[in-house]
Protein backbone atom coordinates (compact mmCIF):
# COMPACT_ATOMS: atom_id res chain seq x y z
CA MET A 1 -46.12 -15.56 3.13
CA PRO A 2 -43.03 -13.45 2.35
CA SER A 3 -42.41 -10.53 4.66
CA ALA A 4 -42.87 -7.01 3.35
CA PRO A 5 -39.67 -5.09 2.63
CA ASN A 6 -38.51 -2.89 5.47
CA PRO A 7 -38.67 0.72 4.20
CA SER A 8 -36.07 1.84 6.71
CA ILE A 9 -33.47 -0.62 5.29
CA GLU A 10 -34.18 -0.95 1.57
CA PRO A 11 -33.69 2.71 0.57
CA LEU A 12 -30.38 2.78 2.41
CA GLY A 13 -29.16 -0.13 0.29
CA VAL A 14 -30.31 1.60 -2.88
CA ARG A 15 -28.52 4.80 -1.88
CA ALA A 16 -25.34 2.93 -1.04
CA LEU A 17 -25.41 1.18 -4.41
CA ALA A 18 -25.98 4.49 -6.20
CA LYS A 19 -23.02 6.04 -4.37
CA GLN A 20 -20.83 3.09 -5.28
CA ARG A 21 -21.78 3.39 -8.94
CA THR A 22 -21.08 7.11 -8.94
CA ALA A 23 -17.65 6.57 -7.40
CA GLU A 24 -16.89 3.85 -9.94
CA ALA A 25 -18.02 6.09 -12.80
CA ILE A 26 -15.61 8.80 -11.65
CA VAL A 27 -12.71 6.34 -11.45
CA ASP A 28 -13.62 4.79 -14.82
CA ALA A 29 -13.60 8.24 -16.40
CA ALA A 30 -10.38 9.37 -14.73
CA LEU A 31 -8.02 6.47 -15.43
CA PRO A 32 -8.12 6.70 -19.25
CA LEU A 33 -7.59 10.46 -19.00
CA PHE A 34 -4.61 9.95 -16.70
CA GLN A 35 -3.15 7.40 -19.11
CA ALA A 36 -3.70 9.50 -22.22
CA CYS A 37 -2.74 12.94 -20.90
CA GLY A 38 -0.70 12.33 -17.77
CA TYR A 39 -1.95 12.68 -14.22
CA ASP A 40 -0.63 16.21 -13.68
CA ALA A 41 -2.27 17.58 -16.86
CA VAL A 42 -5.77 16.27 -16.12
CA THR A 43 -8.10 18.57 -14.18
CA THR A 44 -10.94 17.57 -11.89
CA GLU A 45 -13.25 19.53 -14.18
CA GLN A 46 -12.29 17.25 -17.09
CA ILE A 47 -12.86 14.16 -14.96
CA ALA A 48 -16.25 15.37 -13.75
CA ARG A 49 -17.35 16.15 -17.30
CA ALA A 50 -16.24 12.73 -18.55
CA ALA A 51 -18.02 11.02 -15.65
CA GLY A 52 -21.22 13.00 -16.15
CA VAL A 53 -21.17 14.58 -12.70
CA THR A 54 -20.54 18.04 -11.31
CA GLN A 55 -17.23 19.02 -9.75
CA ARG A 56 -19.05 19.44 -6.47
CA THR A 57 -20.18 15.83 -6.64
CA LEU A 58 -16.68 14.68 -7.56
CA PHE A 59 -15.15 16.45 -4.55
CA ARG A 60 -17.81 14.97 -2.29
CA TYR A 61 -16.53 11.51 -3.23
CA PHE A 62 -12.86 12.35 -3.71
CA PRO A 63 -11.71 15.49 -1.84
CA ARG A 64 -8.26 15.19 -3.44
CA LYS A 65 -7.48 14.14 -7.00
CA GLU A 66 -4.99 11.44 -6.04
CA LEU A 67 -7.70 9.60 -4.08
CA ILE A 68 -9.35 8.80 -7.41
CA LEU A 69 -6.21 7.03 -8.54
CA TYR A 70 -5.81 5.04 -5.33
CA ALA A 71 -9.46 4.04 -5.11
CA ARG A 72 -9.23 0.96 -7.30
CA ARG A 73 -7.40 -1.92 -5.59
CA TYR A 74 -4.20 0.05 -5.12
CA ASP A 75 -4.58 0.83 -1.42
CA TYR A 76 -1.65 -1.45 -0.70
CA VAL A 77 -0.61 0.30 2.52
CA ASP A 78 -3.99 -0.40 4.14
CA ARG A 79 -3.91 -3.95 2.81
CA TYR A 80 -0.39 -4.58 4.10
CA GLU A 81 -1.44 -3.23 7.49
CA ALA A 82 -4.45 -5.58 7.52
CA PHE A 83 -2.24 -8.53 6.56
CA LEU A 84 0.26 -7.55 9.26
CA ASN A 85 -2.49 -7.19 11.89
CA GLU A 86 -3.58 -10.75 11.19
CA ALA A 87 -0.07 -12.16 10.99
CA MET A 88 1.04 -10.50 14.24
CA SER A 89 -1.88 -12.22 15.98
CA ILE A 90 -0.83 -15.65 14.64
CA TRP A 91 2.94 -15.84 14.43
CA PRO A 92 4.90 -15.74 17.70
CA ARG A 93 8.09 -14.54 16.00
CA PRO A 94 7.82 -11.00 14.55
CA TYR A 95 10.10 -11.84 11.63
CA ASP A 96 7.76 -14.67 10.56
CA ALA A 97 4.75 -12.35 10.84
CA VAL A 98 6.41 -9.81 8.54
CA ARG A 99 7.24 -12.54 6.03
CA SER A 100 3.64 -13.82 6.10
CA ALA A 101 2.23 -10.31 5.54
CA PHE A 102 4.71 -9.75 2.72
CA GLN A 103 3.60 -12.98 1.02
CA SER A 104 -0.05 -11.96 1.37
CA LEU A 105 0.73 -8.58 -0.18
CA SER A 106 2.42 -10.37 -3.07
CA GLY A 107 -0.75 -12.40 -3.56
CA PHE A 108 -2.81 -9.21 -3.63
CA TYR A 109 -0.58 -7.76 -6.34
CA GLU A 110 -0.78 -11.02 -8.28
CA ALA A 111 -4.59 -11.10 -8.15
CA ASN A 112 -4.87 -7.47 -9.29
CA ARG A 113 -1.92 -7.22 -11.66
CA ALA A 114 -3.72 -5.42 -14.49
CA SER A 115 -5.22 -2.64 -12.38
CA VAL A 116 -2.18 -2.24 -10.12
CA SER A 117 0.17 -2.08 -13.11
CA GLN A 118 -2.09 0.51 -14.74
CA VAL A 119 -1.95 2.74 -11.68
CA TYR A 120 1.80 2.17 -11.29
CA ALA A 121 2.41 3.34 -14.86
CA ILE A 122 0.41 6.52 -14.21
CA ILE A 123 2.42 7.20 -11.04
CA GLN A 124 5.72 6.97 -12.92
CA GLY A 125 4.71 9.94 -15.07
CA SER A 126 3.97 12.29 -12.18
CA ASP A 127 6.44 13.91 -9.77
CA GLN A 128 3.57 14.68 -7.41
CA LEU A 129 2.43 11.06 -7.28
CA GLN A 130 5.96 9.80 -6.85
CA ALA A 131 6.30 12.04 -3.80
CA ILE A 132 3.09 10.54 -2.41
CA GLU A 133 4.46 7.07 -3.14
CA ARG A 134 7.58 7.81 -1.11
CA GLY A 135 5.30 8.64 1.81
CA HIS A 136 3.47 5.33 1.35
CA GLN A 137 6.76 3.46 1.29
CA MET A 138 7.86 5.18 4.49
CA ARG A 139 4.59 4.06 6.10
CA ILE A 140 5.24 0.45 5.01
CA ASP A 141 8.73 0.65 6.52
CA GLU A 142 7.35 2.09 9.75
CA LEU A 143 4.69 -0.60 10.12
CA THR A 144 7.34 -3.26 9.49
CA ALA A 145 9.67 -1.73 12.06
CA PHE A 146 6.91 -1.64 14.68
CA ALA A 147 6.21 -5.30 13.92
CA LEU A 148 9.87 -6.21 14.34
CA ASP A 149 9.76 -4.55 17.77
CA GLY A 150 7.16 -7.15 18.81
CA ALA A 151 3.40 -7.54 19.08
CA GLU A 152 2.99 -5.15 22.01
CA ALA A 153 4.87 -2.36 20.26
CA TYR A 154 3.10 -3.05 16.98
CA PHE A 155 -0.46 -2.90 18.29
CA ALA A 156 0.27 0.09 20.56
CA ARG A 157 2.21 2.00 17.89
CA GLN A 158 3.15 4.86 20.16
CA GLY A 159 6.03 7.14 19.36
CA ARG A 160 8.49 5.66 16.87
CA PRO A 161 9.88 2.17 16.31
CA THR A 162 13.35 1.48 17.63
CA LEU A 163 16.25 2.59 15.48
CA GLU A 164 17.43 -1.01 15.21
CA SER A 165 14.11 -2.12 13.71
CA ARG A 166 13.96 0.88 11.40
CA ILE A 167 17.37 -0.05 10.00
CA VAL A 168 16.33 -3.66 9.39
CA ALA A 169 12.99 -2.66 7.80
CA SER A 170 14.71 -0.25 5.42
CA VAL A 171 17.20 -2.93 4.36
CA LEU A 172 14.43 -5.48 3.87
CA PHE A 173 12.21 -3.38 1.63
CA GLY A 174 15.16 -1.70 -0.05
CA THR A 175 16.14 -5.11 -1.41
CA ILE A 176 12.60 -6.27 -2.23
CA ARG A 177 11.06 -3.17 -3.88
CA PRO A 178 13.10 -3.31 -7.11
CA MET A 179 11.68 -6.79 -7.78
CA PHE A 180 8.12 -5.54 -7.30
CA ARG A 181 8.75 -2.61 -9.63
CA GLU A 182 10.20 -4.75 -12.40
CA TRP A 183 7.26 -7.13 -12.13
CA LEU A 184 4.78 -4.25 -12.33
CA ARG A 185 6.56 -2.96 -15.44
CA GLY A 186 6.18 -6.38 -17.04
CA GLU A 187 9.93 -7.02 -17.08
CA LEU A 188 9.54 -10.08 -14.83
CA PRO A 189 7.02 -12.65 -16.13
CA GLY A 190 5.14 -15.22 -14.10
CA GLU A 191 3.88 -15.26 -10.53
CA LEU A 192 4.95 -12.59 -8.09
CA ARG A 193 4.41 -14.99 -5.19
CA LEU A 194 7.20 -17.18 -6.57
CA TYR A 195 9.56 -14.22 -6.89
CA ALA A 196 8.60 -13.19 -3.37
CA GLU A 197 9.39 -16.64 -1.96
CA ILE A 198 12.72 -16.82 -3.77
CA GLY A 199 13.53 -13.21 -2.91
CA TRP A 200 12.76 -13.69 0.77
CA ALA A 201 14.81 -16.88 1.00
CA ASN A 202 17.80 -15.11 -0.55
CA VAL A 203 17.45 -11.89 1.42
CA GLU A 204 17.22 -13.64 4.79
CA PRO A 205 21.02 -13.80 5.32
CA THR A 206 21.16 -10.08 4.49
CA ILE A 207 18.47 -9.37 7.06
CA LEU A 208 20.32 -11.33 9.73
CA ALA A 209 23.45 -9.32 8.88
CA ALA A 210 21.40 -6.10 9.04
CA GLN A 211 20.11 -7.07 12.48
CA ALA A 212 23.65 -7.70 13.71
CA TYR A 213 24.81 -4.40 12.19
CA ALA A 214 21.89 -2.50 13.72
CA ASP A 215 22.49 -3.90 17.19
CA THR A 216 26.23 -3.18 17.03
CA ALA A 217 26.03 0.19 15.31
CA VAL A 218 23.27 1.60 17.49
CA ALA A 219 25.12 0.52 20.62
CA ALA A 220 28.23 2.29 19.29
CA PHE A 221 26.20 5.43 18.45
CA ARG A 222 24.94 5.59 22.00
CA ARG A 223 28.45 5.41 23.40
CA VAL A 224 29.58 8.47 21.42
CA PRO A 225 29.90 11.33 23.94
CA PRO A 226 27.94 14.50 23.10
CA ARG A 227 29.98 17.46 21.90
């Protein structure tokens, strides 16, 4: 005889599903508006009306407008951090862990190319969103620098990464980001994972040079007497 449904569990599932559908309706209404009118020109009132909800409801789900844009498979900072958490637990050499996380992030982009490219195009038309993107990129660089400092430093994440690792992380992603951007624009066809593998193989000598530069330059900086 099948057991009776548990009333304390079933309604919670129904409510969670209803919340998910409401959030999806808001995002589904917002993205076409952002594409047609530009992110900066679209108001939350317009989005709420198109989604069939009140502004109060919209703000309950998305306290800030940009959160609507980043809700759909574009939370790449959180995903990179998750990939890095896993990789740092597996790979003994920090450099290999960063490479593994980078390859996983490339796979995420590849699997979600249509939606990620859609959001990327919207971002390019907004100064506000581009400023937010710069903050996201700085966070990626910081996570990478912590990882290059070693597993203990990465998982503790206290203070700031070493200057040496910050230099190397900025060189690494400074050389890789243009490839990602061209791929998102549709200028590079094919699989991003392949570009990532080729890009990483070719950038590795540059990274080794950046590490040597960082070690030498930082040591020289520290020998400069204060004025």
